[in-house]
Amino acid sequence: MEFGSRAAAESLAGADAVIHLAGEPVAQRWTPEAKRRIRASRMDGTRHLVNALSTLSRRPQVLICASAIGYYGSRGDEVLTEASRPGSDFSPRW
């Protein structure tokens, strides 16, 4: 079921929260085509979900989206917080 469809929106009716974890797997060789698919799957998927939610008369109070674990890069044992700088490879630069 595509998120842009009316059926998708109706399947979300009555939800208090939505957690969106979908997207092209990042555990693959990052060819230019794979990077395009990874980026598009997250951006387009979230956009379709938000569009579906916007059609509901009673929307969930919470929408959580998580798209990758690599935002901060590999830092060994360094403790990372929301204030930590992003990494410098593909994931943080989507």
N, C-alpha and C. Protein backbone atom coordinates (compact mmCIF):
# COMPACT_ATOMS: atom_id res chain seq x y z
N MET A 1 0.85 -1.17 0.00
CA MET A 1 0.00 0.00 0.00
C MET A 1 0.90 1.24 0.00
N GLU A 2 0.72 2.11 -0.94
CA GLU A 2 1.53 3.32 -1.04
C GLU A 2 0.99 4.38 -0.09
N PHE A 3 1.90 5.09 0.60
CA PHE A 3 1.49 6.07 1.60
C PHE A 3 0.66 7.21 1.03
N GLY A 4 0.78 7.48 -0.24
CA GLY A 4 0.00 8.56 -0.83
C GLY A 4 -1.46 8.18 -1.06
N SER A 5 -1.79 6.91 -0.90
CA SER A 5 -3.14 6.46 -1.19
C SER A 5 -4.10 6.77 -0.04
N ARG A 6 -5.37 6.85 -0.37
CA ARG A 6 -6.40 7.09 0.65
C ARG A 6 -6.45 5.92 1.63
N ALA A 7 -6.25 4.68 1.12
CA ALA A 7 -6.26 3.51 1.99
C ALA A 7 -5.14 3.60 3.04
N ALA A 8 -3.98 4.11 2.64
CA ALA A 8 -2.88 4.27 3.60
C ALA A 8 -3.26 5.27 4.68
N ALA A 9 -3.85 6.38 4.29
CA ALA A 9 -4.25 7.38 5.27
C ALA A 9 -5.28 6.80 6.23
N GLU A 10 -6.24 6.06 5.70
CA GLU A 10 -7.27 5.47 6.56
C GLU A 10 -6.68 4.44 7.52
N SER A 11 -5.63 3.74 7.09
CA SER A 11 -5.00 2.76 7.98
C SER A 11 -4.29 3.43 9.15
N LEU A 12 -4.01 4.72 9.04
CA LEU A 12 -3.36 5.48 10.12
C LEU A 12 -4.36 6.17 11.03
N ALA A 13 -5.62 6.19 10.63
CA ALA A 13 -6.66 6.87 11.42
C ALA A 13 -6.72 6.26 12.82
N GLY A 14 -6.80 7.12 13.80
CA GLY A 14 -6.91 6.68 15.18
C GLY A 14 -5.59 6.44 15.86
N ALA A 15 -4.49 6.52 15.13
CA ALA A 15 -3.17 6.30 15.74
C ALA A 15 -2.80 7.50 16.61
N ASP A 16 -2.21 7.22 17.76
CA ASP A 16 -1.72 8.29 18.63
C ASP A 16 -0.31 8.72 18.23
N ALA A 17 0.43 7.78 17.65
CA ALA A 17 1.81 8.04 17.24
C ALA A 17 2.13 7.18 16.03
N VAL A 18 3.07 7.66 15.20
CA VAL A 18 3.55 6.90 14.05
C VAL A 18 5.08 6.90 14.12
N ILE A 19 5.65 5.72 13.97
CA ILE A 19 7.10 5.57 13.92
C ILE A 19 7.46 5.07 12.53
N HIS A 20 8.25 5.87 11.82
CA HIS A 20 8.60 5.59 10.42
C HIS A 20 10.07 5.18 10.35
N LEU A 21 10.31 3.89 10.07
CA LEU A 21 11.68 3.37 10.01
C LEU A 21 12.02 2.80 8.64
N ALA A 22 11.19 3.05 7.67
CA ALA A 22 11.37 2.46 6.34
C ALA A 22 12.46 3.16 5.55
N GLY A 23 12.98 2.45 4.58
CA GLY A 23 13.96 3.03 3.67
C GLY A 23 14.87 1.96 3.11
N GLU A 24 15.49 2.28 2.00
CA GLU A 24 16.46 1.40 1.35
C GLU A 24 17.56 1.07 2.36
N PRO A 25 17.96 -0.20 2.47
CA PRO A 25 19.02 -0.57 3.40
C PRO A 25 20.34 0.16 3.11
N VAL A 26 21.03 0.57 4.16
CA VAL A 26 22.33 1.23 3.98
C VAL A 26 23.46 0.22 3.96
N ALA A 27 23.19 -1.02 4.34
CA ALA A 27 24.21 -2.07 4.37
C ALA A 27 24.39 -2.64 2.97
N GLN A 28 25.02 -1.86 2.12
CA GLN A 28 25.29 -2.27 0.74
C GLN A 28 26.42 -1.39 0.21
N ARG A 29 26.94 -1.72 -0.92
CA ARG A 29 27.97 -0.89 -1.56
C ARG A 29 27.32 0.42 -1.98
N TRP A 30 27.91 1.53 -1.61
CA TRP A 30 27.34 2.85 -1.87
C TRP A 30 27.74 3.36 -3.26
N THR A 31 27.20 2.74 -4.26
CA THR A 31 27.39 3.21 -5.63
C THR A 31 26.56 4.48 -5.81
N PRO A 32 26.79 5.24 -6.85
CA PRO A 32 25.95 6.41 -7.08
C PRO A 32 24.45 6.05 -7.14
N GLU A 33 24.11 4.93 -7.77
CA GLU A 33 22.70 4.53 -7.85
C GLU A 33 22.16 4.13 -6.47
N ALA A 34 22.96 3.42 -5.68
CA ALA A 34 22.52 3.03 -4.34
C ALA A 34 22.31 4.28 -3.47
N LYS A 35 23.20 5.24 -3.56
CA LYS A 35 23.05 6.49 -2.81
C LYS A 35 21.77 7.22 -3.20
N ARG A 36 21.46 7.22 -4.51
CA ARG A 36 20.23 7.86 -4.97
C ARG A 36 19.02 7.17 -4.36
N ARG A 37 19.03 5.82 -4.38
CA ARG A 37 17.90 5.06 -3.82
C ARG A 37 17.78 5.27 -2.31
N ILE A 38 18.89 5.28 -1.60
CA ILE A 38 18.88 5.49 -0.15
C ILE A 38 18.27 6.85 0.17
N ARG A 39 18.76 7.88 -0.49
CA ARG A 39 18.27 9.25 -0.25
C ARG A 39 16.78 9.36 -0.61
N ALA A 40 16.42 8.87 -1.79
CA ALA A 40 15.03 8.97 -2.26
C ALA A 40 14.08 8.18 -1.37
N SER A 41 14.49 7.01 -0.92
CA SER A 41 13.59 6.19 -0.11
C SER A 41 13.24 6.88 1.20
N ARG A 42 14.16 7.62 1.74
CA ARG A 42 13.89 8.32 3.00
C ARG A 42 13.09 9.60 2.77
N MET A 43 13.51 10.38 1.82
CA MET A 43 12.82 11.65 1.55
C MET A 43 11.41 11.42 1.01
N ASP A 44 11.29 10.57 0.00
CA ASP A 44 9.98 10.31 -0.61
C ASP A 44 9.06 9.58 0.34
N GLY A 45 9.59 8.59 1.05
CA GLY A 45 8.77 7.84 2.00
C GLY A 45 8.20 8.72 3.08
N THR A 46 9.03 9.60 3.65
CA THR A 46 8.56 10.51 4.69
C THR A 46 7.56 11.50 4.12
N ARG A 47 7.82 12.01 2.93
CA ARG A 47 6.89 12.96 2.29
C ARG A 47 5.52 12.32 2.06
N HIS A 48 5.50 11.08 1.57
CA HIS A 48 4.23 10.38 1.34
C HIS A 48 3.49 10.15 2.67
N LEU A 49 4.24 9.79 3.69
CA LEU A 49 3.63 9.56 5.00
C LEU A 49 3.01 10.84 5.55
N VAL A 50 3.74 11.93 5.49
CA VAL A 50 3.23 13.21 5.97
C VAL A 50 2.00 13.65 5.16
N ASN A 51 2.05 13.45 3.85
CA ASN A 51 0.88 13.79 3.02
C ASN A 51 -0.34 12.97 3.43
N ALA A 52 -0.15 11.68 3.68
CA ALA A 52 -1.27 10.83 4.11
C ALA A 52 -1.80 11.30 5.45
N LEU A 53 -0.91 11.60 6.38
CA LEU A 53 -1.33 12.06 7.71
C LEU A 53 -2.08 13.39 7.63
N SER A 54 -1.69 14.23 6.69
CA SER A 54 -2.31 15.56 6.58
C SER A 54 -3.77 15.49 6.15
N THR A 55 -4.20 14.36 5.60
CA THR A 55 -5.59 14.22 5.15
C THR A 55 -6.52 13.78 6.27
N LEU A 56 -5.96 13.39 7.41
CA LEU A 56 -6.78 12.88 8.51
C LEU A 56 -7.40 14.03 9.30
N SER A 57 -8.61 13.84 9.75
CA SER A 57 -9.24 14.86 10.59
C SER A 57 -8.64 14.85 12.00
N ARG A 58 -8.26 13.68 12.49
CA ARG A 58 -7.57 13.56 13.79
C ARG A 58 -6.20 12.96 13.52
N ARG A 59 -5.18 13.78 13.61
CA ARG A 59 -3.83 13.32 13.31
C ARG A 59 -3.12 12.83 14.57
N PRO A 60 -2.16 11.92 14.40
CA PRO A 60 -1.36 11.49 15.55
C PRO A 60 -0.63 12.68 16.16
N GLN A 61 -0.42 12.62 17.44
CA GLN A 61 0.29 13.70 18.14
C GLN A 61 1.80 13.62 17.93
N VAL A 62 2.29 12.46 17.53
CA VAL A 62 3.73 12.24 17.42
C VAL A 62 4.05 11.53 16.10
N LEU A 63 5.08 12.01 15.42
CA LEU A 63 5.65 11.34 14.25
C LEU A 63 7.15 11.25 14.48
N ILE A 64 7.65 10.03 14.52
CA ILE A 64 9.08 9.80 14.72
C ILE A 64 9.62 9.16 13.45
N CYS A 65 10.67 9.75 12.89
CA CYS A 65 11.33 9.20 11.71
C CYS A 65 12.80 8.97 12.05
N ALA A 66 13.28 7.80 11.75
CA ALA A 66 14.70 7.49 11.92
C ALA A 66 15.19 6.92 10.60
N SER A 67 16.23 7.52 10.03
CA SER A 67 16.62 7.11 8.70
C SER A 67 18.01 6.49 8.60
N ALA A 68 18.85 6.64 9.57
CA ALA A 68 20.18 6.03 9.47
C ALA A 68 20.89 6.10 10.81
N ILE A 69 21.79 5.17 11.00
CA ILE A 69 22.55 5.17 12.25
C ILE A 69 23.92 5.83 12.08
N GLY A 70 24.26 6.22 10.86
CA GLY A 70 25.60 6.71 10.59
C GLY A 70 25.78 8.21 10.62
N TYR A 71 24.84 8.95 11.17
CA TYR A 71 24.90 10.41 11.12
C TYR A 71 26.18 10.97 11.76
N TYR A 72 26.62 10.37 12.86
CA TYR A 72 27.79 10.90 13.56
C TYR A 72 29.10 10.26 13.11
N GLY A 73 29.01 9.26 12.26
CA GLY A 73 30.23 8.60 11.78
C GLY A 73 30.81 7.68 12.85
N SER A 74 31.89 7.03 12.50
CA SER A 74 32.56 6.12 13.43
C SER A 74 33.48 6.92 14.34
N ARG A 75 33.20 6.92 15.64
CA ARG A 75 33.98 7.72 16.61
C ARG A 75 34.57 6.86 17.73
N GLY A 76 34.59 5.55 17.54
CA GLY A 76 35.15 4.70 18.58
C GLY A 76 34.33 4.78 19.86
N ASP A 77 35.00 5.04 20.98
CA ASP A 77 34.34 5.09 22.28
C ASP A 77 33.88 6.50 22.66
N GLU A 78 34.00 7.45 21.76
CA GLU A 78 33.58 8.83 22.07
C GLU A 78 32.09 8.86 22.40
N VAL A 79 31.73 9.56 23.48
CA VAL A 79 30.32 9.72 23.84
C VAL A 79 29.73 10.80 22.94
N LEU A 80 28.63 10.46 22.27
CA LEU A 80 27.99 11.39 21.34
C LEU A 80 26.66 11.87 21.91
N THR A 81 26.34 13.14 21.66
CA THR A 81 25.07 13.73 22.08
C THR A 81 24.45 14.44 20.89
N GLU A 82 23.27 14.98 21.07
CA GLU A 82 22.62 15.74 20.00
C GLU A 82 23.47 16.94 19.57
N ALA A 83 24.34 17.41 20.45
CA ALA A 83 25.19 18.56 20.13
C ALA A 83 26.47 18.17 19.39
N SER A 84 26.75 16.88 19.25
CA SER A 84 27.96 16.42 18.56
C SER A 84 27.87 16.74 17.08
N ARG A 85 29.03 17.04 16.50
CA ARG A 85 29.10 17.35 15.07
C ARG A 85 28.82 16.10 14.26
N PRO A 86 28.18 16.26 13.08
CA PRO A 86 27.94 15.08 12.23
C PRO A 86 29.25 14.57 11.63
N GLY A 87 29.20 13.35 11.14
CA GLY A 87 30.35 12.78 10.45
C GLY A 87 30.56 13.47 9.11
N SER A 88 31.49 12.95 8.32
CA SER A 88 31.81 13.61 7.06
C SER A 88 31.58 12.72 5.84
N ASP A 89 30.99 11.54 6.03
CA ASP A 89 30.76 10.68 4.87
C ASP A 89 29.35 10.87 4.33
N PHE A 90 28.85 9.91 3.58
CA PHE A 90 27.58 10.06 2.86
C PHE A 90 26.37 10.29 3.76
N SER A 91 26.19 9.48 4.82
CA SER A 91 24.98 9.55 5.63
C SER A 91 24.64 10.93 6.17
N PRO A 92 25.57 11.64 6.77
CA PRO A 92 25.20 12.96 7.31
C PRO A 92 24.96 14.04 6.25
N ARG A 93 25.34 13.79 5.02
CA ARG A 93 25.21 14.82 3.99
C ARG A 93 24.02 14.62 3.06
N TRP A 94 23.09 13.73 3.39
CA TRP A 94 21.94 13.48 2.53
C TRP A 94 21.28 14.75 2.20
